[in-house]
Amino acid sequence: MNNPGLYHMLFVSTALFFIGVYGFFTRRNLITMLMSIELILNSVCLNFIAFNKYAWPGKMDGLFFTLFIIAAAAAEAALAIAIIINLYRSHNTIDVNAAEEMKY
């Protein structure tokens, strides 16, 4: 069976990116928006790995960047979930419009 080529990986990455952008801009639920951001970060990781494999096959730079992005995404998700829990405790909703009251 053939290995997927660079164009196949870039197509999947582009699809993930635009699904994440669409979900981020169309949803008002904070959990869904967080999942959309994670999709965008995963598409970036897939791009790093694809270009590392096909442009510089002997180097590991893309994999190290991917591990850094995964670590940053885990920290971002933990912080976002803590904010969402506090919003739910104070407003009993996780709608984005309720988060506007937290500005002041």
PDB file of N, CA and C in Angstrom:
ATOM      1  N   MET A   1       0.841  -1.177   0.000  1.00  0.00           N
ATOM      2  CA  MET A   1       0.000   0.000   0.000  1.00  0.00           C
ATOM      3  C   MET A   1       0.886   1.240   0.000  1.00  0.00           C
ATOM      4  N   ASN A   2       0.493   2.254  -0.713  1.00  0.00           N
ATOM      5  CA  ASN A   2       1.285   3.474  -0.821  1.00  0.00           C
ATOM      6  C   ASN A   2       1.210   4.304   0.445  1.00  0.00           C
ATOM      7  N   ASN A   3       2.317   4.980   0.715  1.00  0.00           N
ATOM      8  CA  ASN A   3       2.299   5.970   1.781  1.00  0.00           C
ATOM      9  C   ASN A   3       1.614   7.225   1.257  1.00  0.00           C
ATOM     10  N   PRO A   4       0.910   7.929   2.128  1.00  0.00           N
ATOM     11  CA  PRO A   4       0.271   9.162   1.636  1.00  0.00           C
ATOM     12  C   PRO A   4       1.328  10.194   1.269  1.00  0.00           C
ATOM     13  N   GLY A   5       1.096  10.873   0.169  1.00  0.00           N
ATOM     14  CA  GLY A   5       2.037  11.876  -0.293  1.00  0.00           C
ATOM     15  C   GLY A   5       1.840  13.195   0.441  1.00  0.00           C
ATOM     16  N   LEU A   6       2.696  14.142   0.102  1.00  0.00           N
ATOM     17  CA  LEU A   6       2.639  15.449   0.742  1.00  0.00           C
ATOM     18  C   LEU A   6       1.312  16.142   0.459  1.00  0.00           C
ATOM     19  N   TYR A   7       0.817  16.031  -0.766  1.00  0.00           N
ATOM     20  CA  TYR A   7      -0.431  16.698  -1.104  1.00  0.00           C
ATOM     21  C   TYR A   7      -1.615  16.117  -0.332  1.00  0.00           C
ATOM     22  N   HIS A   8      -1.597  14.815  -0.094  1.00  0.00           N
ATOM     23  CA  HIS A   8      -2.673  14.204   0.691  1.00  0.00           C
ATOM     24  C   HIS A   8      -2.656  14.722   2.123  1.00  0.00           C
ATOM     25  N   MET A   9      -1.461  14.796   2.692  1.00  0.00           N
ATOM     26  CA  MET A   9      -1.356  15.284   4.067  1.00  0.00           C
ATOM     27  C   MET A   9      -1.734  16.757   4.162  1.00  0.00           C
ATOM     28  N   LEU A  10      -1.352  17.549   3.171  1.00  0.00           N
ATOM     29  CA  LEU A  10      -1.723  18.959   3.172  1.00  0.00           C
ATOM     30  C   LEU A  10      -3.221  19.145   2.967  1.00  0.00           C
ATOM     31  N   PHE A  11      -3.839  18.275   2.188  1.00  0.00           N
ATOM     32  CA  PHE A  11      -5.291  18.345   2.009  1.00  0.00           C
ATOM     33  C   PHE A  11      -6.020  18.065   3.313  1.00  0.00           C
ATOM     34  N   VAL A  12      -5.587  17.029   4.027  1.00  0.00           N
ATOM     35  CA  VAL A  12      -6.205  16.708   5.325  1.00  0.00           C
ATOM     36  C   VAL A  12      -5.970  17.845   6.316  1.00  0.00           C
ATOM     37  N   SER A  13      -4.764  18.390   6.317  1.00  0.00           N
ATOM     38  CA  SER A  13      -4.446  19.491   7.212  1.00  0.00           C
ATOM     39  C   SER A  13      -5.287  20.725   6.899  1.00  0.00           C
ATOM     40  N   THR A  14      -5.463  21.026   5.624  1.00  0.00           N
ATOM     41  CA  THR A  14      -6.289  22.170   5.229  1.00  0.00           C
ATOM     42  C   THR A  14      -7.744  21.953   5.625  1.00  0.00           C
ATOM     43  N   ALA A  15      -8.231  20.733   5.448  1.00  0.00           N
ATOM     44  CA  ALA A  15      -9.609  20.433   5.847  1.00  0.00           C
ATOM     45  C   ALA A  15      -9.781  20.599   7.351  1.00  0.00           C
ATOM     46  N   LEU A  16      -8.835  20.094   8.137  1.00  0.00           N
ATOM     47  CA  LEU A  16      -8.903  20.262   9.591  1.00  0.00           C
ATOM     48  C   LEU A  16      -8.878  21.737   9.977  1.00  0.00           C
ATOM     49  N   PHE A  17      -8.023  22.503   9.320  1.00  0.00           N
ATOM     50  CA  PHE A  17      -7.908  23.922   9.639  1.00  0.00           C
ATOM     51  C   PHE A  17      -9.213  24.660   9.380  1.00  0.00           C
ATOM     52  N   PHE A  18      -9.818  24.434   8.215  1.00  0.00           N
ATOM     53  CA  PHE A  18     -11.034  25.169   7.890  1.00  0.00           C
ATOM     54  C   PHE A  18     -12.241  24.668   8.672  1.00  0.00           C
ATOM     55  N   ILE A  19     -12.264  23.397   9.046  1.00  0.00           N
ATOM     56  CA  ILE A  19     -13.325  22.920   9.942  1.00  0.00           C
ATOM     57  C   ILE A  19     -13.199  23.606  11.296  1.00  0.00           C
ATOM     58  N   GLY A  20     -11.964  23.757  11.779  1.00  0.00           N
ATOM     59  CA  GLY A  20     -11.742  24.449  13.043  1.00  0.00           C
ATOM     60  C   GLY A  20     -12.112  25.916  12.977  1.00  0.00           C
ATOM     61  N   VAL A  21     -11.757  26.591  11.896  1.00  0.00           N
ATOM     62  CA  VAL A  21     -12.105  28.010  11.736  1.00  0.00           C
ATOM     63  C   VAL A  21     -13.620  28.172  11.645  1.00  0.00           C
ATOM     64  N   TYR A  22     -14.269  27.300  10.888  1.00  0.00           N
ATOM     65  CA  TYR A  22     -15.731  27.367  10.766  1.00  0.00           C
ATOM     66  C   TYR A  22     -16.397  27.144  12.130  1.00  0.00           C
ATOM     67  N   GLY A  23     -15.927  26.148  12.868  1.00  0.00           N
ATOM     68  CA  GLY A  23     -16.495  25.880  14.189  1.00  0.00           C
ATOM     69  C   GLY A  23     -16.261  27.017  15.157  1.00  0.00           C
ATOM     70  N   PHE A  24     -15.102  27.662  15.066  1.00  0.00           N
ATOM     71  CA  PHE A  24     -14.806  28.766  15.973  1.00  0.00           C
ATOM     72  C   PHE A  24     -15.693  29.971  15.706  1.00  0.00           C
ATOM     73  N   PHE A  25     -15.932  30.281  14.447  1.00  0.00           N
ATOM     74  CA  PHE A  25     -16.707  31.476  14.116  1.00  0.00           C
ATOM     75  C   PHE A  25     -18.211  31.276  14.143  1.00  0.00           C
ATOM     76  N   THR A  26     -18.696  30.039  14.072  1.00  0.00           N
ATOM     77  CA  THR A  26     -20.142  29.832  14.014  1.00  0.00           C
ATOM     78  C   THR A  26     -20.749  29.384  15.330  1.00  0.00           C
ATOM     79  N   ARG A  27     -19.973  28.877  16.248  1.00  0.00           N
ATOM     80  CA  ARG A  27     -20.525  28.370  17.502  1.00  0.00           C
ATOM     81  C   ARG A  27     -20.417  29.417  18.600  1.00  0.00           C
ATOM     82  N   ARG A  28     -21.328  29.365  19.542  1.00  0.00           N
ATOM     83  CA  ARG A  28     -21.316  30.276  20.686  1.00  0.00           C
ATOM     84  C   ARG A  28     -21.017  29.539  21.983  1.00  0.00           C
ATOM     85  N   ASN A  29     -20.845  28.237  21.929  1.00  0.00           N
ATOM     86  CA  ASN A  29     -20.537  27.431  23.093  1.00  0.00           C
ATOM     87  C   ASN A  29     -19.015  27.432  23.293  1.00  0.00           C
ATOM     88  N   LEU A  30     -18.564  27.725  24.506  1.00  0.00           N
ATOM     89  CA  LEU A  30     -17.128  27.840  24.741  1.00  0.00           C
ATOM     90  C   LEU A  30     -16.394  26.505  24.585  1.00  0.00           C
ATOM     91  N   ILE A  31     -17.026  25.411  24.944  1.00  0.00           N
ATOM     92  CA  ILE A  31     -16.388  24.091  24.791  1.00  0.00           C
ATOM     93  C   ILE A  31     -16.183  23.778  23.307  1.00  0.00           C
ATOM     94  N   THR A  32     -17.183  24.061  22.496  1.00  0.00           N
ATOM     95  CA  THR A  32     -17.058  23.820  21.058  1.00  0.00           C
ATOM     96  C   THR A  32     -15.995  24.723  20.440  1.00  0.00           C
ATOM     97  N   MET A  33     -15.913  25.954  20.926  1.00  0.00           N
ATOM     98  CA  MET A  33     -14.875  26.855  20.423  1.00  0.00           C
ATOM     99  C   MET A  33     -13.489  26.354  20.817  1.00  0.00           C
ATOM    100  N   LEU A  34     -13.350  25.818  22.021  1.00  0.00           N
ATOM    101  CA  LEU A  34     -12.075  25.250  22.459  1.00  0.00           C
ATOM    102  C   LEU A  34     -11.692  24.041  21.598  1.00  0.00           C
ATOM    103  N   MET A  35     -12.663  23.203  21.278  1.00  0.00           N
ATOM    104  CA  MET A  35     -12.380  22.056  20.413  1.00  0.00           C
ATOM    105  C   MET A  35     -11.982  22.508  19.010  1.00  0.00           C
ATOM    106  N   SER A  36     -12.560  23.608  18.543  1.00  0.00           N
ATOM    107  CA  SER A  36     -12.195  24.135  17.225  1.00  0.00           C
ATOM    108  C   SER A  36     -10.761  24.653  17.224  1.00  0.00           C
ATOM    109  N   ILE A  37     -10.359  25.299  18.295  1.00  0.00           N
ATOM    110  CA  ILE A  37      -8.969  25.755  18.403  1.00  0.00           C
ATOM    111  C   ILE A  37      -8.018  24.567  18.419  1.00  0.00           C
ATOM    112  N   GLU A  38      -8.406  23.495  19.091  1.00  0.00           N
ATOM    113  CA  GLU A  38      -7.575  22.288  19.101  1.00  0.00           C
ATOM    114  C   GLU A  38      -7.458  21.680  17.704  1.00  0.00           C
ATOM    115  N   LEU A  39      -8.525  21.728  16.924  1.00  0.00           N
ATOM    116  CA  LEU A  39      -8.451  21.252  15.538  1.00  0.00           C
ATOM    117  C   LEU A  39      -7.469  22.076  14.722  1.00  0.00           C
ATOM    118  N   ILE A  40      -7.487  23.392  14.919  1.00  0.00           N
ATOM    119  CA  ILE A  40      -6.560  24.262  14.205  1.00  0.00           C
ATOM    120  C   ILE A  40      -5.125  23.935  14.597  1.00  0.00           C
ATOM    121  N   LEU A  41      -4.872  23.739  15.885  1.00  0.00           N
ATOM    122  CA  LEU A  41      -3.518  23.394  16.324  1.00  0.00           C
ATOM    123  C   LEU A  41      -3.075  22.031  15.796  1.00  0.00           C
ATOM    124  N   ASN A  42      -3.998  21.089  15.713  1.00  0.00           N
ATOM    125  CA  ASN A  42      -3.654  19.781  15.154  1.00  0.00           C
ATOM    126  C   ASN A  42      -3.329  19.871  13.669  1.00  0.00           C
ATOM    127  N   SER A  43      -3.996  20.755  12.951  1.00  0.00           N
ATOM    128  CA  SER A  43      -3.664  20.912  11.530  1.00  0.00           C
ATOM    129  C   SER A  43      -2.267  21.512  11.370  1.00  0.00           C
ATOM    130  N   VAL A  44      -1.892  22.422  12.257  1.00  0.00           N
ATOM    131  CA  VAL A  44      -0.543  22.977  12.217  1.00  0.00           C
ATOM    132  C   VAL A  44       0.492  21.885  12.512  1.00  0.00           C
ATOM    133  N   CYS A  45       0.207  21.036  13.489  1.00  0.00           N
ATOM    134  CA  CYS A  45       1.123  19.929  13.804  1.00  0.00           C
ATOM    135  C   CYS A  45       1.277  18.982  12.618  1.00  0.00           C
ATOM    136  N   LEU A  46       0.174  18.698  11.947  1.00  0.00           N
ATOM    137  CA  LEU A  46       0.240  17.827  10.770  1.00  0.00           C
ATOM    138  C   LEU A  46       1.078  18.451   9.670  1.00  0.00           C
ATOM    139  N   ASN A  47       0.983  19.770   9.492  1.00  0.00           N
ATOM    140  CA  ASN A  47       1.826  20.455   8.510  1.00  0.00           C
ATOM    141  C   ASN A  47       3.300  20.350   8.870  1.00  0.00           C
ATOM    142  N   PHE A  48       3.634  20.564  10.131  1.00  0.00           N
ATOM    143  CA  PHE A  48       5.029  20.442  10.546  1.00  0.00           C
ATOM    144  C   PHE A  48       5.574  19.045  10.267  1.00  0.00           C
ATOM    145  N   ILE A  49       4.805  18.034  10.584  1.00  0.00           N
ATOM    146  CA  ILE A  49       5.272  16.655  10.377  1.00  0.00           C
ATOM    147  C   ILE A  49       5.369  16.339   8.887  1.00  0.00           C
ATOM    148  N   ALA A  50       4.409  16.792   8.090  1.00  0.00           N
ATOM    149  CA  ALA A  50       4.438  16.515   6.649  1.00  0.00           C
ATOM    150  C   ALA A  50       5.642  17.177   5.991  1.00  0.00           C
ATOM    151  N   PHE A  51       5.881  18.445   6.291  1.00  0.00           N
ATOM    152  CA  PHE A  51       7.024  19.115   5.673  1.00  0.00           C
ATOM    153  C   PHE A  51       8.343  18.577   6.202  1.00  0.00           C
ATOM    154  N   ASN A  52       8.360  18.136   7.453  1.00  0.00           N
ATOM    155  CA  ASN A  52       9.579  17.526   7.977  1.00  0.00           C
ATOM    156  C   ASN A  52       9.891  16.225   7.245  1.00  0.00           C
ATOM    157  N   LYS A  53       8.862  15.450   6.958  1.00  0.00           N
ATOM    158  CA  LYS A  53       9.075  14.153   6.308  1.00  0.00           C
ATOM    159  C   LYS A  53       9.523  14.314   4.858  1.00  0.00           C
ATOM    160  N   TYR A  54       8.938  15.267   4.141  1.00  0.00           N
ATOM    161  CA  TYR A  54       9.212  15.356   2.707  1.00  0.00           C
ATOM    162  C   TYR A  54      10.264  16.391   2.333  1.00  0.00           C
ATOM    163  N   ALA A  55      10.426  17.446   3.096  1.00  0.00           N
ATOM    164  CA  ALA A  55      11.419  18.466   2.742  1.00  0.00           C
ATOM    165  C   ALA A  55      12.779  18.178   3.362  1.00  0.00           C
ATOM    166  N   TRP A  56      12.793  17.779   4.641  1.00  0.00           N
ATOM    167  CA  TRP A  56      14.044  17.494   5.345  1.00  0.00           C
ATOM    168  C   TRP A  56      13.902  16.156   6.062  1.00  0.00           C
ATOM    169  N   PRO A  57      14.000  15.055   5.323  1.00  0.00           N
ATOM    170  CA  PRO A  57      13.724  13.748   5.944  1.00  0.00           C
ATOM    171  C   PRO A  57      14.740  13.329   7.012  1.00  0.00           C
ATOM    172  N   GLY A  58      15.938  13.877   6.994  1.00  0.00           N
ATOM    173  CA  GLY A  58      16.927  13.464   7.980  1.00  0.00           C
ATOM    174  C   GLY A  58      16.879  14.239   9.273  1.00  0.00           C
ATOM    175  N   LYS A  59      16.117  15.323   9.311  1.00  0.00           N
ATOM    176  CA  LYS A  59      16.077  16.166  10.504  1.00  0.00           C
ATOM    177  C   LYS A  59      14.819  15.887  11.314  1.00  0.00           C
ATOM    178  N   MET A  60      14.860  16.316  12.574  1.00  0.00           N
ATOM    179  CA  MET A  60      13.734  16.088  13.476  1.00  0.00           C
ATOM    180  C   MET A  60      13.094  17.405  13.922  1.00  0.00           C
ATOM    181  N   ASP A  61      13.352  18.502  13.218  1.00  0.00           N
ATOM    182  CA  ASP A  61      12.865  19.807  13.650  1.00  0.00           C
ATOM    183  C   ASP A  61      11.336  19.867  13.701  1.00  0.00           C
ATOM    184  N   GLY A  62      10.679  19.343  12.703  1.00  0.00           N
ATOM    185  CA  GLY A  62       9.219  19.370  12.674  1.00  0.00           C
ATOM    186  C   GLY A  62       8.600  18.593  13.817  1.00  0.00           C
ATOM    187  N   LEU A  63       9.220  17.489  14.191  1.00  0.00           N
ATOM    188  CA  LEU A  63       8.695  16.701  15.303  1.00  0.00           C
ATOM    189  C   LEU A  63       8.860  17.439  16.631  1.00  0.00           C
ATOM    190  N   PHE A  64       9.975  18.133  16.799  1.00  0.00           N
ATOM    191  CA  PHE A  64      10.178  18.886  18.031  1.00  0.00           C
ATOM    192  C   PHE A  64       9.206  20.057  18.129  1.00  0.00           C
ATOM    193  N   PHE A  65       8.956  20.740  17.012  1.00  0.00           N
ATOM    194  CA  PHE A  65       7.965  21.808  17.017  1.00  0.00           C
ATOM    195  C   PHE A  65       6.579  21.256  17.342  1.00  0.00           C
ATOM    196  N   THR A  66       6.279  20.079  16.818  1.00  0.00           N
ATOM    197  CA  THR A  66       4.993  19.453  17.083  1.00  0.00           C
ATOM    198  C   THR A  66       4.842  19.120  18.557  1.00  0.00           C
ATOM    199  N   LEU A  67       5.880  18.584  19.170  1.00  0.00           N
ATOM    200  CA  LEU A  67       5.811  18.285  20.606  1.00  0.00           C
ATOM    201  C   LEU A  67       5.632  19.562  21.425  1.00  0.00           C
ATOM    202  N   PHE A  68       6.279  20.637  21.022  1.00  0.00           N
ATOM    203  CA  PHE A  68       6.114  21.911  21.713  1.00  0.00           C
ATOM    204  C   PHE A  68       4.687  22.426  21.573  1.00  0.00           C
ATOM    205  N   ILE A  69       4.105  22.302  20.383  1.00  0.00           N
ATOM    206  CA  ILE A  69       2.728  22.751  20.165  1.00  0.00           C
ATOM    207  C   ILE A  69       1.758  21.914  20.981  1.00  0.00           C
ATOM    208  N   ILE A  70       1.986  20.611  21.074  1.00  0.00           N
ATOM    209  CA  ILE A  70       1.111  19.752  21.861  1.00  0.00           C
ATOM    210  C   ILE A  70       1.176  20.133  23.339  1.00  0.00           C
ATOM    211  N   ALA A  71       2.375  20.427  23.846  1.00  0.00           N
ATOM    212  CA  ALA A  71       2.515  20.845  25.243  1.00  0.00           C
ATOM    213  C   ALA A  71       1.824  22.185  25.483  1.00  0.00           C
ATOM    214  N   ALA A  72       1.990  23.132  24.565  1.00  0.00           N
ATOM    215  CA  ALA A  72       1.328  24.427  24.707  1.00  0.00           C
ATOM    216  C   ALA A  72      -0.191  24.277  24.602  1.00  0.00           C
ATOM    217  N   ALA A  73      -0.669  23.388  23.742  1.00  0.00           N
ATOM    218  CA  ALA A  73      -2.106  23.166  23.604  1.00  0.00           C
ATOM    219  C   ALA A  73      -2.693  22.534  24.864  1.00  0.00           C
ATOM    220  N   ALA A  74      -1.941  21.662  25.513  1.00  0.00           N
ATOM    221  CA  ALA A  74      -2.425  21.061  26.758  1.00  0.00           C
ATOM    222  C   ALA A  74      -2.543  22.116  27.855  1.00  0.00           C
ATOM    223  N   ALA A  75      -1.557  23.000  27.944  1.00  0.00           N
ATOM    224  CA  ALA A  75      -1.626  24.074  28.934  1.00  0.00           C
ATOM    225  C   ALA A  75      -2.763  25.031  28.612  1.00  0.00           C
ATOM    226  N   GLU A  76      -2.944  25.342  27.344  1.00  0.00           N
ATOM    227  CA  GLU A  76      -4.031  26.232  26.927  1.00  0.00           C
ATOM    228  C   GLU A  76      -5.387  25.608  27.231  1.00  0.00           C
ATOM    229  N   ALA A  77      -5.523  24.319  27.001  1.00  0.00           N
ATOM    230  CA  ALA A  77      -6.793  23.648  27.266  1.00  0.00           C
ATOM    231  C   ALA A  77      -7.093  23.612  28.761  1.00  0.00           C
ATOM    232  N   ALA A  78      -6.089  23.378  29.580  1.00  0.00           N
ATOM    233  CA  ALA A  78      -6.301  23.352  31.027  1.00  0.00           C
ATOM    234  C   ALA A  78      -6.733  24.727  31.533  1.00  0.00           C
ATOM    235  N   LEU A  79      -6.096  25.767  31.054  1.00  0.00           N
ATOM    236  CA  LEU A  79      -6.466  27.120  31.459  1.00  0.00           C
ATOM    237  C   LEU A  79      -7.858  27.492  30.959  1.00  0.00           C
ATOM    238  N   ALA A  80      -8.172  27.145  29.728  1.00  0.00           N
ATOM    239  CA  ALA A  80      -9.490  27.461  29.176  1.00  0.00           C
ATOM    240  C   ALA A  80     -10.596  26.703  29.908  1.00  0.00           C
ATOM    241  N   ILE A  81     -10.362  25.464  30.251  1.00  0.00           N
ATOM    242  CA  ILE A  81     -11.381  24.700  30.978  1.00  0.00           C
ATOM    243  C   ILE A  81     -11.592  25.277  32.368  1.00  0.00           C
ATOM    244  N   ALA A  82     -10.524  25.748  33.018  1.00  0.00           N
ATOM    245  CA  ALA A  82     -10.681  26.395  34.325  1.00  0.00           C
ATOM    246  C   ALA A  82     -11.518  27.666  34.207  1.00  0.00           C
ATOM    247  N   ILE A  83     -11.286  28.453  33.165  1.00  0.00           N
ATOM    248  CA  ILE A  83     -12.085  29.665  32.950  1.00  0.00           C
ATOM    249  C   ILE A  83     -13.540  29.306  32.655  1.00  0.00           C
ATOM    250  N   ILE A  84     -13.754  28.270  31.870  1.00  0.00           N
ATOM    251  CA  ILE A  84     -15.120  27.858  31.530  1.00  0.00           C
ATOM    252  C   ILE A  84     -15.854  27.364  32.782  1.00  0.00           C
ATOM    253  N   ILE A  85     -15.166  26.625  33.644  1.00  0.00           N
ATOM    254  CA  ILE A  85     -15.797  26.149  34.886  1.00  0.00           C
ATOM    255  C   ILE A  85     -16.183  27.322  35.778  1.00  0.00           C
ATOM    256  N   ASN A  86     -15.298  28.316  35.889  1.00  0.00           N
ATOM    257  CA  ASN A  86     -15.638  29.499  36.690  1.00  0.00           C
ATOM    258  C   ASN A  86     -16.802  30.271  36.083  1.00  0.00           C
ATOM    259  N   LEU A  87     -16.845  30.369  34.768  1.00  0.00           N
ATOM    260  CA  LEU A  87     -17.969  31.035  34.107  1.00  0.00           C
ATOM    261  C   LEU A  87     -19.265  30.285  34.363  1.00  0.00           C
ATOM    262  N   TYR A  88     -19.220  28.961  34.307  1.00  0.00           N
ATOM    263  CA  TYR A  88     -20.428  28.179  34.536  1.00  0.00           C
ATOM    264  C   TYR A  88     -20.896  28.308  35.979  1.00  0.00           C
ATOM    265  N   ARG A  89     -19.961  28.333  36.922  1.00  0.00           N
ATOM    266  CA  ARG A  89     -20.352  28.475  38.328  1.00  0.00           C
ATOM    267  C   ARG A  89     -20.989  29.827  38.623  1.00  0.00           C
ATOM    268  N   SER A  90     -20.518  30.868  37.960  1.00  0.00           N
ATOM    269  CA  SER A  90     -21.052  32.194  38.256  1.00  0.00           C
ATOM    270  C   SER A  90     -22.289  32.542  37.428  1.00  0.00           C
ATOM    271  N   HIS A  91     -22.407  32.020  36.202  1.00  0.00           N
ATOM    272  CA  HIS A  91     -23.512  32.410  35.329  1.00  0.00           C
ATOM    273  C   HIS A  91     -24.443  31.253  34.934  1.00  0.00           C
ATOM    274  N   ASN A  92     -24.103  30.032  35.299  1.00  0.00           N
ATOM    275  CA  ASN A  92     -24.875  28.836  34.947  1.00  0.00           C
ATOM    276  C   ASN A  92     -25.050  28.658  33.438  1.00  0.00           C
ATOM    277  N   THR A  93     -24.093  29.126  32.669  1.00  0.00           N
ATOM    278  CA  THR A  93     -24.099  28.938  31.215  1.00  0.00           C
ATOM    279  C   THR A  93     -22.662  29.023  30.713  1.00  0.00           C
ATOM    280  N   ILE A  94     -22.423  28.425  29.559  1.00  0.00           N
ATOM    281  CA  ILE A  94     -21.100  28.530  28.937  1.00  0.00           C
ATOM    282  C   ILE A  94     -21.215  29.201  27.571  1.00  0.00           C
ATOM    283  N   ASP A  95     -22.202  30.063  27.442  1.00  0.00           N
ATOM    284  CA  ASP A  95     -22.390  30.821  26.221  1.00  0.00           C
ATOM    285  C   ASP A  95     -21.401  31.985  26.173  1.00  0.00           C
ATOM    286  N   VAL A  96     -20.940  32.319  24.988  1.00  0.00           N
ATOM    287  CA  VAL A  96     -19.956  33.386  24.825  1.00  0.00           C
ATOM    288  C   VAL A  96     -20.533  34.732  25.239  1.00  0.00           C
ATOM    289  N   ASN A  97     -21.811  34.953  25.005  1.00  0.00           N
ATOM    290  CA  ASN A  97     -22.419  36.232  25.360  1.00  0.00           C
ATOM    291  C   ASN A  97     -22.410  36.470  26.862  1.00  0.00           C
ATOM    292  N   ALA A  98     -22.439  35.419  27.661  1.00  0.00           N
ATOM    293  CA  ALA A  98     -22.370  35.573  29.116  1.00  0.00           C
ATOM    294  C   ALA A  98     -20.958  35.942  29.556  1.00  0.00           C
ATOM    295  N   ALA A  99     -19.968  35.610  28.753  1.00  0.00           N
ATOM    296  CA  ALA A  99     -18.579  35.934  29.111  1.00  0.00           C
ATOM    297  C   ALA A  99     -18.278  37.412  28.961  1.00  0.00           C
ATOM    298  N   GLU A 100     -19.126  38.152  28.276  1.00  0.00           N
ATOM    299  CA  GLU A 100     -18.911  39.600  28.120  1.00  0.00           C
ATOM    300  C   GLU A 100     -19.033  40.318  29.459  1.00  0.00           C
ATOM    301  N   GLU A 101     -19.789  39.753  30.384  1.00  0.00           N
ATOM    302  CA  GLU A 101     -19.946  40.367  31.698  1.00  0.00           C
ATOM    303  C   GLU A 101     -18.690  40.207  32.546  1.00  0.00           C
ATOM    304  N   MET A 102     -17.793  39.331  32.169  1.00  0.00           N
ATOM    305  CA  MET A 102     -16.585  39.101  32.942  1.00  0.00           C
ATOM    306  C   MET A 102     -15.494  40.129  32.621  1.00  0.00           C
ATOM    307  N   LYS A 103     -15.730  40.990  31.654  1.00  0.00           N
ATOM    308  CA  LYS A 103     -14.704  41.947  31.253  1.00  0.00           C
ATOM    309  C   LYS A 103     -14.424  42.965  32.341  1.00  0.00           C
ATOM    310  N   TYR A 104     -15.430  43.349  33.106  1.00  0.00           N
ATOM    311  CA  TYR A 104     -15.251  44.437  34.065  1.00  0.00           C
ATOM    312  C   TYR A 104     -15.258  43.941  35.483  1.00  0.00           C
TER     313      TYR A 104
END
